[in-house]
Amino acid sequence: MSSTPTFTVLLPAKGRPILLRDALLSVLEQSFRDFEVIVSNNGADPSVRQAIADIVHDPRVRYVEQQTVLPMPDHWERISLLARGKHLTVLPDRSVLKQGALATISELHARGGK
């Protein structure tokens, strides 16, 4: 990953540790590799931390905890300020990223969105 990755994927989490794990793995398994993913544990839920403890060592992952539970807009805004990527997307913890999605978006950007 470069110091300015092509994409930042924000992955805000509030509970749902198993779904979060699936969401994070769907990002890490992308064929397009120039991205960072910021996982934010809203409320510092220990079950969320534990669910992804074995995969947050990936250098593309930044894990942060919000010590208090923030309203969704405030949570998303706070973690968006950490983004280094040229492009930003939010992947809710209850969703997964389709394989090849980042590559497709990158190709579309390269062609000027056509």
Protein backbone atom coordinates (compact mmCIF):
# COMPACT_ATOMS: atom_id res chain seq x y z
CA MET A 1 0.00 0.00 0.00
CA SER A 2 1.28 3.44 -0.87
CA SER A 3 1.30 6.35 1.59
CA THR A 4 -1.63 7.73 -0.41
CA PRO A 5 -3.68 4.69 -1.33
CA THR A 6 -6.19 4.82 -4.15
CA PHE A 7 -9.06 3.95 -1.82
CA THR A 8 -9.94 4.32 1.81
CA VAL A 9 -12.70 1.97 2.89
CA LEU A 10 -14.32 3.08 6.12
CA LEU A 11 -15.79 0.21 8.08
CA PRO A 12 -17.75 1.62 11.02
CA ALA A 13 -18.87 -1.07 13.47
CA LYS A 14 -21.31 -1.07 16.34
CA GLY A 15 -21.72 -4.57 17.70
CA ARG A 16 -22.31 -7.34 15.14
CA PRO A 17 -18.80 -8.85 15.43
CA ILE A 18 -19.45 -11.77 13.06
CA LEU A 19 -20.87 -9.51 10.36
CA LEU A 20 -17.97 -7.11 10.81
CA ARG A 21 -15.51 -9.94 10.31
CA ASP A 22 -17.20 -10.93 7.05
CA ALA A 23 -17.21 -7.31 5.89
CA LEU A 24 -13.52 -6.83 6.68
CA LEU A 25 -12.53 -10.06 4.95
CA SER A 26 -14.50 -9.03 1.85
CA VAL A 27 -12.30 -5.94 1.61
CA LEU A 28 -9.02 -7.72 2.32
CA GLU A 29 -9.78 -10.34 -0.34
CA GLN A 30 -10.13 -7.75 -3.13
CA SER A 31 -7.96 -8.31 -6.21
CA PHE A 32 -7.18 -4.57 -6.27
CA ARG A 33 -4.60 -4.08 -3.53
CA ASP A 34 -3.95 -0.31 -3.24
CA PHE A 35 -6.31 0.53 -0.41
CA GLU A 36 -6.51 1.07 3.30
CA VAL A 37 -9.42 0.04 5.46
CA ILE A 38 -10.24 1.85 8.67
CA VAL A 39 -12.23 -0.25 11.12
CA SER A 40 -13.83 1.81 13.86
CA ASN A 41 -15.33 0.09 16.87
CA ASN A 42 -18.08 2.46 18.03
CA GLY A 43 -18.27 2.09 21.79
CA ALA A 44 -15.12 -0.05 22.13
CA ASP A 45 -17.11 -3.30 22.25
CA PRO A 46 -14.68 -6.07 23.31
CA SER A 47 -16.52 -8.67 21.20
CA VAL A 48 -15.85 -6.60 18.07
CA ARG A 49 -12.14 -6.29 18.92
CA GLN A 50 -11.90 -10.02 19.60
CA ALA A 51 -13.71 -11.02 16.39
CA ILE A 52 -11.07 -9.40 14.18
CA ALA A 53 -7.99 -9.67 16.40
CA ASP A 54 -6.35 -12.22 14.10
CA ILE A 55 -6.70 -10.08 10.96
CA VAL A 56 -6.09 -6.48 12.06
CA HIS A 57 -2.34 -7.06 11.78
CA ASP A 58 -2.67 -6.65 7.99
CA PRO A 59 -0.75 -3.44 7.11
CA ARG A 60 -3.73 -2.16 5.10
CA VAL A 61 -5.94 -2.17 8.22
CA ARG A 62 -6.13 0.59 10.78
CA TYR A 63 -8.21 -0.21 13.82
CA VAL A 64 -9.57 2.53 16.05
CA GLU A 65 -11.96 2.54 18.98
CA GLN A 66 -14.48 5.18 19.96
CA GLN A 67 -14.65 5.01 23.75
CA THR A 68 -18.21 6.33 23.81
CA VAL A 69 -21.00 5.39 21.44
CA LEU A 70 -21.33 8.12 18.83
CA PRO A 71 -24.41 8.78 16.70
CA MET A 72 -23.90 7.30 13.24
CA PRO A 73 -23.25 10.62 11.40
CA ASP A 74 -20.70 11.69 14.02
CA HIS A 75 -19.00 8.30 13.93
CA TRP A 76 -18.68 8.30 10.16
CA GLU A 77 -17.44 11.88 10.11
CA ARG A 78 -14.83 11.22 12.80
CA ILE A 79 -13.33 8.25 11.00
CA SER A 80 -13.48 9.94 7.59
CA LEU A 81 -10.99 12.47 8.95
CA LEU A 82 -8.45 9.63 9.26
CA ALA A 83 -8.66 8.70 5.57
CA ARG A 84 -5.55 8.99 3.39
CA GLY A 85 -6.97 7.58 0.17
CA LYS A 86 -7.73 9.47 -3.02
CA HIS A 87 -11.25 8.04 -2.98
CA LEU A 88 -13.42 7.26 0.02
CA THR A 89 -16.19 4.74 0.51
CA VAL A 90 -18.14 3.52 3.50
CA LEU A 91 -18.89 -0.15 3.97
CA PRO A 92 -21.34 -0.68 6.84
CA ASP A 93 -20.49 -3.62 9.09
CA ARG A 94 -23.58 -5.49 7.92
CA SER A 95 -22.45 -5.46 4.26
CA VAL A 96 -19.76 -7.10 2.15
CA LEU A 97 -17.81 -5.77 -0.81
CA LYS A 98 -18.32 -7.79 -3.97
CA GLN A 99 -15.12 -9.40 -5.25
CA GLY A 100 -13.54 -7.16 -7.88
CA ALA A 101 -15.47 -4.06 -6.80
CA LEU A 102 -12.42 -1.89 -6.13
CA ALA A 103 -10.80 -2.95 -9.41
CA THR A 104 -13.97 -2.07 -11.32
CA ILE A 105 -14.25 1.33 -9.65
CA SER A 106 -10.56 2.03 -10.33
CA GLU A 107 -11.00 1.14 -14.02
CA LEU A 108 -14.02 3.42 -14.27
CA HIS A 109 -12.06 6.30 -12.73
CA ALA A 110 -9.20 5.67 -15.17
CA ARG A 111 -11.63 5.91 -18.09
CA GLY A 112 -13.13 9.11 -16.73
CA GLY A 113 -16.26 7.42 -15.41
CA LYS A 114 -17.35 6.17 -18.85
